[in-house]
Amino acid sequence: MFRIRKEFHFSASHQLAHLPAGHQCARLHGHNYIVVVELASEELNADGFVRDYHDLKALKTYIDETFDHRHLNDVLDMPSTAENMAKHFYCWCKARWPETSAAMVSETPKTWAEYRP
């Protein structure tokens, strides 16, 4: 199996208001997010790629236009947890690139959430 990954960055605020009042994530705060999309294939295409990295520019455009410097509670129709965002990015990518195998989201240098069906 061949696997490729590409990393994207954005900054945004959010608030997990459904958490107890004393929980730090219940307060308005922000992160410098990292999104990684992974694509996999047992075979390479005629150019020797799983998928040309240039094709993934559409994800950068989507992130820049929809998520960067936004309040995620206004963007997503679900709690803006890293787990939900990983699934969101997976589904967005899978609809465009069938080789999509996983998406990962980091809110801090020490935390990652991954969606991999």
N, C-alpha and C. Protein backbone atom coordinates (compact mmCIF):
# COMPACT_ATOMS: atom_id res chain seq x y z
N MET A 1 0.84 -1.18 0.00
CA MET A 1 0.00 0.00 0.00
C MET A 1 0.89 1.24 0.00
N PHE A 2 0.59 2.15 -0.90
CA PHE A 2 1.27 3.44 -0.94
C PHE A 2 0.42 4.45 -0.18
N ARG A 3 1.07 5.31 0.61
CA ARG A 3 0.37 6.35 1.35
C ARG A 3 1.10 7.68 1.18
N ILE A 4 0.32 8.72 0.98
CA ILE A 4 0.88 10.07 0.97
C ILE A 4 0.09 10.90 1.98
N ARG A 5 0.74 11.94 2.48
CA ARG A 5 0.09 12.87 3.41
C ARG A 5 0.48 14.29 3.02
N LYS A 6 -0.44 15.20 3.27
CA LYS A 6 -0.13 16.62 3.08
C LYS A 6 -0.70 17.38 4.26
N GLU A 7 0.06 18.37 4.70
CA GLU A 7 -0.27 19.15 5.89
C GLU A 7 -0.72 20.55 5.51
N PHE A 8 -1.73 21.04 6.23
CA PHE A 8 -2.29 22.37 6.02
C PHE A 8 -2.41 23.05 7.38
N HIS A 9 -2.36 24.39 7.40
CA HIS A 9 -2.42 25.14 8.65
C HIS A 9 -3.48 26.23 8.57
N PHE A 10 -4.12 26.48 9.71
CA PHE A 10 -5.00 27.64 9.82
C PHE A 10 -5.15 28.01 11.29
N SER A 11 -5.59 29.24 11.52
CA SER A 11 -5.83 29.74 12.87
C SER A 11 -7.31 30.07 12.98
N ALA A 12 -7.90 29.71 14.12
CA ALA A 12 -9.33 29.97 14.31
C ALA A 12 -9.66 29.93 15.79
N SER A 13 -10.80 30.52 16.12
CA SER A 13 -11.32 30.47 17.49
C SER A 13 -12.48 29.48 17.54
N HIS A 14 -12.78 29.05 18.76
CA HIS A 14 -13.97 28.24 18.98
C HIS A 14 -14.28 28.22 20.45
N GLN A 15 -15.43 27.66 20.75
CA GLN A 15 -15.87 27.55 22.14
C GLN A 15 -16.74 26.30 22.23
N LEU A 16 -16.42 25.45 23.17
CA LEU A 16 -17.21 24.23 23.40
C LEU A 16 -18.16 24.51 24.56
N ALA A 17 -19.19 25.29 24.25
CA ALA A 17 -20.10 25.81 25.28
C ALA A 17 -20.91 24.71 25.97
N HIS A 18 -20.96 23.52 25.38
CA HIS A 18 -21.71 22.41 25.99
C HIS A 18 -20.96 21.78 27.17
N LEU A 19 -19.69 22.15 27.36
CA LEU A 19 -18.90 21.61 28.47
C LEU A 19 -19.22 22.37 29.76
N PRO A 20 -18.92 21.78 30.91
CA PRO A 20 -19.19 22.48 32.17
C PRO A 20 -18.49 23.84 32.24
N ALA A 21 -19.09 24.76 32.95
CA ALA A 21 -18.60 26.15 33.01
C ALA A 21 -17.13 26.24 33.42
N GLY A 22 -16.64 25.37 34.28
CA GLY A 22 -15.26 25.43 34.73
C GLY A 22 -14.25 24.84 33.75
N HIS A 23 -14.71 24.19 32.70
CA HIS A 23 -13.80 23.55 31.74
C HIS A 23 -13.16 24.62 30.87
N GLN A 24 -11.84 24.57 30.72
CA GLN A 24 -11.13 25.61 29.97
C GLN A 24 -11.62 25.72 28.52
N CYS A 25 -12.06 24.63 27.94
CA CYS A 25 -12.52 24.67 26.54
C CYS A 25 -13.93 25.24 26.40
N ALA A 26 -14.62 25.45 27.52
CA ALA A 26 -15.94 26.09 27.46
C ALA A 26 -15.79 27.59 27.22
N ARG A 27 -14.62 28.13 27.52
CA ARG A 27 -14.36 29.55 27.29
C ARG A 27 -13.96 29.77 25.82
N LEU A 28 -14.22 30.95 25.33
CA LEU A 28 -13.79 31.33 23.99
C LEU A 28 -12.25 31.29 23.95
N HIS A 29 -11.71 30.59 22.96
CA HIS A 29 -10.26 30.49 22.81
C HIS A 29 -9.93 30.14 21.36
N GLY A 30 -8.66 30.11 21.05
CA GLY A 30 -8.26 29.81 19.68
C GLY A 30 -7.08 28.88 19.61
N HIS A 31 -6.84 28.37 18.42
CA HIS A 31 -5.74 27.44 18.16
C HIS A 31 -5.11 27.76 16.82
N ASN A 32 -3.88 27.34 16.68
CA ASN A 32 -3.21 27.27 15.39
C ASN A 32 -3.32 25.81 14.97
N TYR A 33 -4.29 25.52 14.13
CA TYR A 33 -4.62 24.15 13.75
C TYR A 33 -3.68 23.63 12.67
N ILE A 34 -3.48 22.33 12.73
CA ILE A 34 -2.81 21.60 11.64
C ILE A 34 -3.78 20.53 11.18
N VAL A 35 -3.98 20.45 9.88
CA VAL A 35 -4.81 19.41 9.27
C VAL A 35 -3.90 18.59 8.37
N VAL A 36 -3.96 17.28 8.51
CA VAL A 36 -3.21 16.38 7.64
C VAL A 36 -4.22 15.46 6.95
N VAL A 37 -4.12 15.38 5.65
CA VAL A 37 -4.96 14.44 4.91
C VAL A 37 -4.04 13.35 4.37
N GLU A 38 -4.53 12.12 4.46
CA GLU A 38 -3.77 10.96 3.98
C GLU A 38 -4.56 10.29 2.85
N LEU A 39 -3.84 9.95 1.79
CA LEU A 39 -4.42 9.21 0.67
C LEU A 39 -3.62 7.94 0.49
N ALA A 40 -4.31 6.87 0.11
CA ALA A 40 -3.64 5.57 -0.02
C ALA A 40 -4.15 4.84 -1.26
N SER A 41 -3.27 4.05 -1.84
CA SER A 41 -3.63 3.24 -3.01
C SER A 41 -2.68 2.06 -3.11
N GLU A 42 -3.20 0.96 -3.57
CA GLU A 42 -2.35 -0.21 -3.81
C GLU A 42 -1.56 -0.06 -5.10
N GLU A 43 -2.04 0.79 -5.99
CA GLU A 43 -1.39 1.00 -7.28
C GLU A 43 -1.09 2.48 -7.47
N LEU A 44 -0.05 2.78 -8.18
CA LEU A 44 0.27 4.16 -8.54
C LEU A 44 -0.35 4.48 -9.89
N ASN A 45 -0.65 5.75 -10.11
CA ASN A 45 -1.21 6.14 -11.42
C ASN A 45 -0.10 6.18 -12.46
N ALA A 46 -0.45 6.56 -13.68
CA ALA A 46 0.52 6.53 -14.79
C ALA A 46 1.71 7.46 -14.55
N ASP A 47 1.52 8.47 -13.69
CA ASP A 47 2.62 9.39 -13.37
C ASP A 47 3.47 8.92 -12.21
N GLY A 48 3.10 7.78 -11.61
CA GLY A 48 3.86 7.25 -10.47
C GLY A 48 3.41 7.82 -9.14
N PHE A 49 2.20 8.38 -9.08
CA PHE A 49 1.66 9.00 -7.87
C PHE A 49 0.47 8.22 -7.33
N VAL A 50 0.26 8.32 -6.02
CA VAL A 50 -1.05 7.97 -5.46
C VAL A 50 -2.04 9.02 -5.97
N ARG A 51 -1.64 10.27 -5.84
CA ARG A 51 -2.38 11.43 -6.35
C ARG A 51 -1.37 12.57 -6.40
N ASP A 52 -1.42 13.39 -7.42
CA ASP A 52 -0.52 14.52 -7.52
C ASP A 52 -0.81 15.49 -6.37
N TYR A 53 0.21 15.86 -5.61
CA TYR A 53 0.03 16.79 -4.50
C TYR A 53 -0.63 18.09 -4.96
N HIS A 54 -0.38 18.48 -6.19
CA HIS A 54 -0.98 19.70 -6.72
C HIS A 54 -2.51 19.63 -6.68
N ASP A 55 -3.07 18.45 -6.86
CA ASP A 55 -4.53 18.28 -6.81
C ASP A 55 -5.09 18.69 -5.46
N LEU A 56 -4.29 18.56 -4.41
CA LEU A 56 -4.77 18.83 -3.05
C LEU A 56 -4.84 20.33 -2.74
N LYS A 57 -4.48 21.16 -3.70
CA LYS A 57 -4.58 22.61 -3.51
C LYS A 57 -6.03 23.01 -3.21
N ALA A 58 -6.98 22.25 -3.70
CA ALA A 58 -8.39 22.55 -3.44
C ALA A 58 -8.68 22.52 -1.94
N LEU A 59 -8.02 21.64 -1.20
CA LEU A 59 -8.22 21.60 0.25
C LEU A 59 -7.64 22.85 0.90
N LYS A 60 -6.49 23.30 0.44
CA LYS A 60 -5.91 24.54 0.98
C LYS A 60 -6.86 25.71 0.74
N THR A 61 -7.40 25.80 -0.45
CA THR A 61 -8.34 26.87 -0.77
C THR A 61 -9.57 26.80 0.13
N TYR A 62 -10.12 25.60 0.31
CA TYR A 62 -11.29 25.41 1.17
C TYR A 62 -10.98 25.83 2.61
N ILE A 63 -9.85 25.40 3.13
CA ILE A 63 -9.46 25.76 4.49
C ILE A 63 -9.27 27.27 4.61
N ASP A 64 -8.54 27.87 3.68
CA ASP A 64 -8.28 29.31 3.73
C ASP A 64 -9.57 30.12 3.66
N GLU A 65 -10.49 29.72 2.81
CA GLU A 65 -11.72 30.50 2.60
C GLU A 65 -12.78 30.24 3.66
N THR A 66 -12.78 29.05 4.25
CA THR A 66 -13.87 28.66 5.15
C THR A 66 -13.48 28.66 6.62
N PHE A 67 -12.24 28.34 6.94
CA PHE A 67 -11.84 28.13 8.33
C PHE A 67 -10.84 29.14 8.87
N ASP A 68 -9.92 29.61 8.03
CA ASP A 68 -8.83 30.44 8.54
C ASP A 68 -9.34 31.77 9.08
N HIS A 69 -8.93 32.08 10.31
CA HIS A 69 -9.31 33.31 11.01
C HIS A 69 -10.83 33.48 11.09
N ARG A 70 -11.49 32.36 11.38
CA ARG A 70 -12.95 32.35 11.58
C ARG A 70 -13.24 31.84 12.98
N HIS A 71 -14.48 32.02 13.39
CA HIS A 71 -14.98 31.41 14.63
C HIS A 71 -15.67 30.11 14.23
N LEU A 72 -15.09 28.99 14.61
CA LEU A 72 -15.55 27.69 14.12
C LEU A 72 -16.99 27.37 14.50
N ASN A 73 -17.48 27.94 15.59
CA ASN A 73 -18.87 27.72 15.96
C ASN A 73 -19.82 28.29 14.91
N ASP A 74 -19.36 29.27 14.16
CA ASP A 74 -20.16 29.86 13.09
C ASP A 74 -20.01 29.11 11.77
N VAL A 75 -19.00 28.26 11.68
CA VAL A 75 -18.69 27.56 10.43
C VAL A 75 -19.25 26.14 10.43
N LEU A 76 -19.15 25.45 11.55
CA LEU A 76 -19.54 24.03 11.63
C LEU A 76 -20.92 23.90 12.27
N ASP A 77 -21.65 22.87 11.83
CA ASP A 77 -22.97 22.61 12.41
C ASP A 77 -22.91 21.48 13.45
N MET A 78 -21.77 21.37 14.10
CA MET A 78 -21.55 20.37 15.15
C MET A 78 -20.55 20.96 16.14
N PRO A 79 -20.38 20.35 17.31
CA PRO A 79 -19.34 20.86 18.22
C PRO A 79 -17.98 20.86 17.51
N SER A 80 -17.26 21.93 17.66
CA SER A 80 -16.00 22.13 16.91
C SER A 80 -14.82 21.45 17.61
N THR A 81 -15.00 20.17 17.93
CA THR A 81 -13.91 19.39 18.52
C THR A 81 -12.96 18.95 17.40
N ALA A 82 -11.74 18.64 17.76
CA ALA A 82 -10.77 18.15 16.78
C ALA A 82 -11.28 16.85 16.14
N GLU A 83 -11.96 16.03 16.93
CA GLU A 83 -12.49 14.76 16.40
C GLU A 83 -13.53 15.01 15.31
N ASN A 84 -14.46 15.92 15.57
CA ASN A 84 -15.48 16.24 14.56
C ASN A 84 -14.87 16.89 13.34
N MET A 85 -13.87 17.72 13.55
CA MET A 85 -13.23 18.37 12.41
C MET A 85 -12.45 17.35 11.57
N ALA A 86 -11.83 16.38 12.21
CA ALA A 86 -11.12 15.34 11.46
C ALA A 86 -12.09 14.59 10.55
N LYS A 87 -13.25 14.25 11.07
CA LYS A 87 -14.25 13.56 10.24
C LYS A 87 -14.75 14.48 9.13
N HIS A 88 -14.98 15.75 9.45
CA HIS A 88 -15.43 16.71 8.44
C HIS A 88 -14.43 16.79 7.29
N PHE A 89 -13.15 16.95 7.60
CA PHE A 89 -12.14 17.05 6.54
C PHE A 89 -12.01 15.74 5.78
N TYR A 90 -12.13 14.62 6.47
CA TYR A 90 -12.10 13.33 5.77
C TYR A 90 -13.23 13.27 4.74
N CYS A 91 -14.45 13.57 5.16
CA CYS A 91 -15.60 13.47 4.26
C CYS A 91 -15.47 14.44 3.08
N TRP A 92 -15.00 15.66 3.35
CA TRP A 92 -14.81 16.64 2.29
C TRP A 92 -13.81 16.10 1.26
N CYS A 93 -12.71 15.56 1.74
CA CYS A 93 -11.67 15.04 0.84
C CYS A 93 -12.13 13.78 0.11
N LYS A 94 -12.78 12.88 0.81
CA LYS A 94 -13.22 11.61 0.21
C LYS A 94 -14.18 11.86 -0.94
N ALA A 95 -15.01 12.90 -0.83
CA ALA A 95 -15.95 13.23 -1.90
C ALA A 95 -15.21 13.69 -3.17
N ARG A 96 -13.99 14.15 -3.02
CA ARG A 96 -13.21 14.64 -4.16
C ARG A 96 -12.14 13.66 -4.63
N TRP A 97 -11.55 12.96 -3.68
CA TRP A 97 -10.44 12.07 -3.98
C TRP A 97 -10.71 10.71 -3.34
N PRO A 98 -11.10 9.72 -4.12
CA PRO A 98 -11.46 8.41 -3.55
C PRO A 98 -10.33 7.73 -2.80
N GLU A 99 -9.09 8.15 -3.03
CA GLU A 99 -7.95 7.55 -2.33
C GLU A 99 -7.83 8.01 -0.89
N THR A 100 -8.64 8.99 -0.48
CA THR A 100 -8.56 9.50 0.88
C THR A 100 -8.76 8.36 1.88
N SER A 101 -7.82 8.24 2.82
CA SER A 101 -7.90 7.14 3.80
C SER A 101 -8.00 7.64 5.23
N ALA A 102 -7.63 8.90 5.49
CA ALA A 102 -7.69 9.42 6.85
C ALA A 102 -7.52 10.93 6.83
N ALA A 103 -7.96 11.54 7.92
CA ALA A 103 -7.69 12.97 8.15
C ALA A 103 -7.37 13.13 9.63
N MET A 104 -6.42 14.00 9.92
CA MET A 104 -5.99 14.26 11.28
C MET A 104 -6.01 15.75 11.54
N VAL A 105 -6.35 16.11 12.77
CA VAL A 105 -6.39 17.52 13.17
C VAL A 105 -5.64 17.67 14.48
N SER A 106 -4.77 18.68 14.55
CA SER A 106 -4.05 19.02 15.77
C SER A 106 -4.45 20.41 16.21
N GLU A 107 -4.75 20.54 17.50
CA GLU A 107 -5.02 21.85 18.09
C GLU A 107 -3.79 22.41 18.80
N THR A 108 -2.96 21.53 19.30
CA THR A 108 -1.74 21.92 20.00
C THR A 108 -0.62 20.98 19.56
N PRO A 109 0.63 21.34 19.81
CA PRO A 109 1.73 20.47 19.40
C PRO A 109 1.67 19.06 20.01
N LYS A 110 0.92 18.89 21.08
CA LYS A 110 0.89 17.58 21.76
C LYS A 110 -0.41 16.82 21.56
N THR A 111 -1.37 17.37 20.82
CA THR A 111 -2.67 16.70 20.68
C THR A 111 -3.05 16.51 19.22
N TRP A 112 -3.58 15.32 18.92
CA TRP A 112 -4.04 14.98 17.58
C TRP A 112 -5.33 14.19 17.69
N ALA A 113 -6.23 14.43 16.74
CA ALA A 113 -7.42 13.61 16.56
C ALA A 113 -7.37 13.08 15.12
N GLU A 114 -7.80 11.85 14.95
CA GLU A 114 -7.76 11.21 13.63
C GLU A 114 -9.09 10.57 13.32
N TYR A 115 -9.54 10.71 12.08
CA TYR A 115 -10.70 9.95 11.59
C TYR A 115 -10.21 9.07 10.47
N ARG A 116 -10.42 7.78 10.65
CA ARG A 116 -10.02 6.77 9.67
C ARG A 116 -11.11 5.69 9.70
N PRO A 117 -11.94 5.64 8.66
CA PRO A 117 -13.03 4.64 8.72
C PRO A 117 -12.52 3.20 8.72
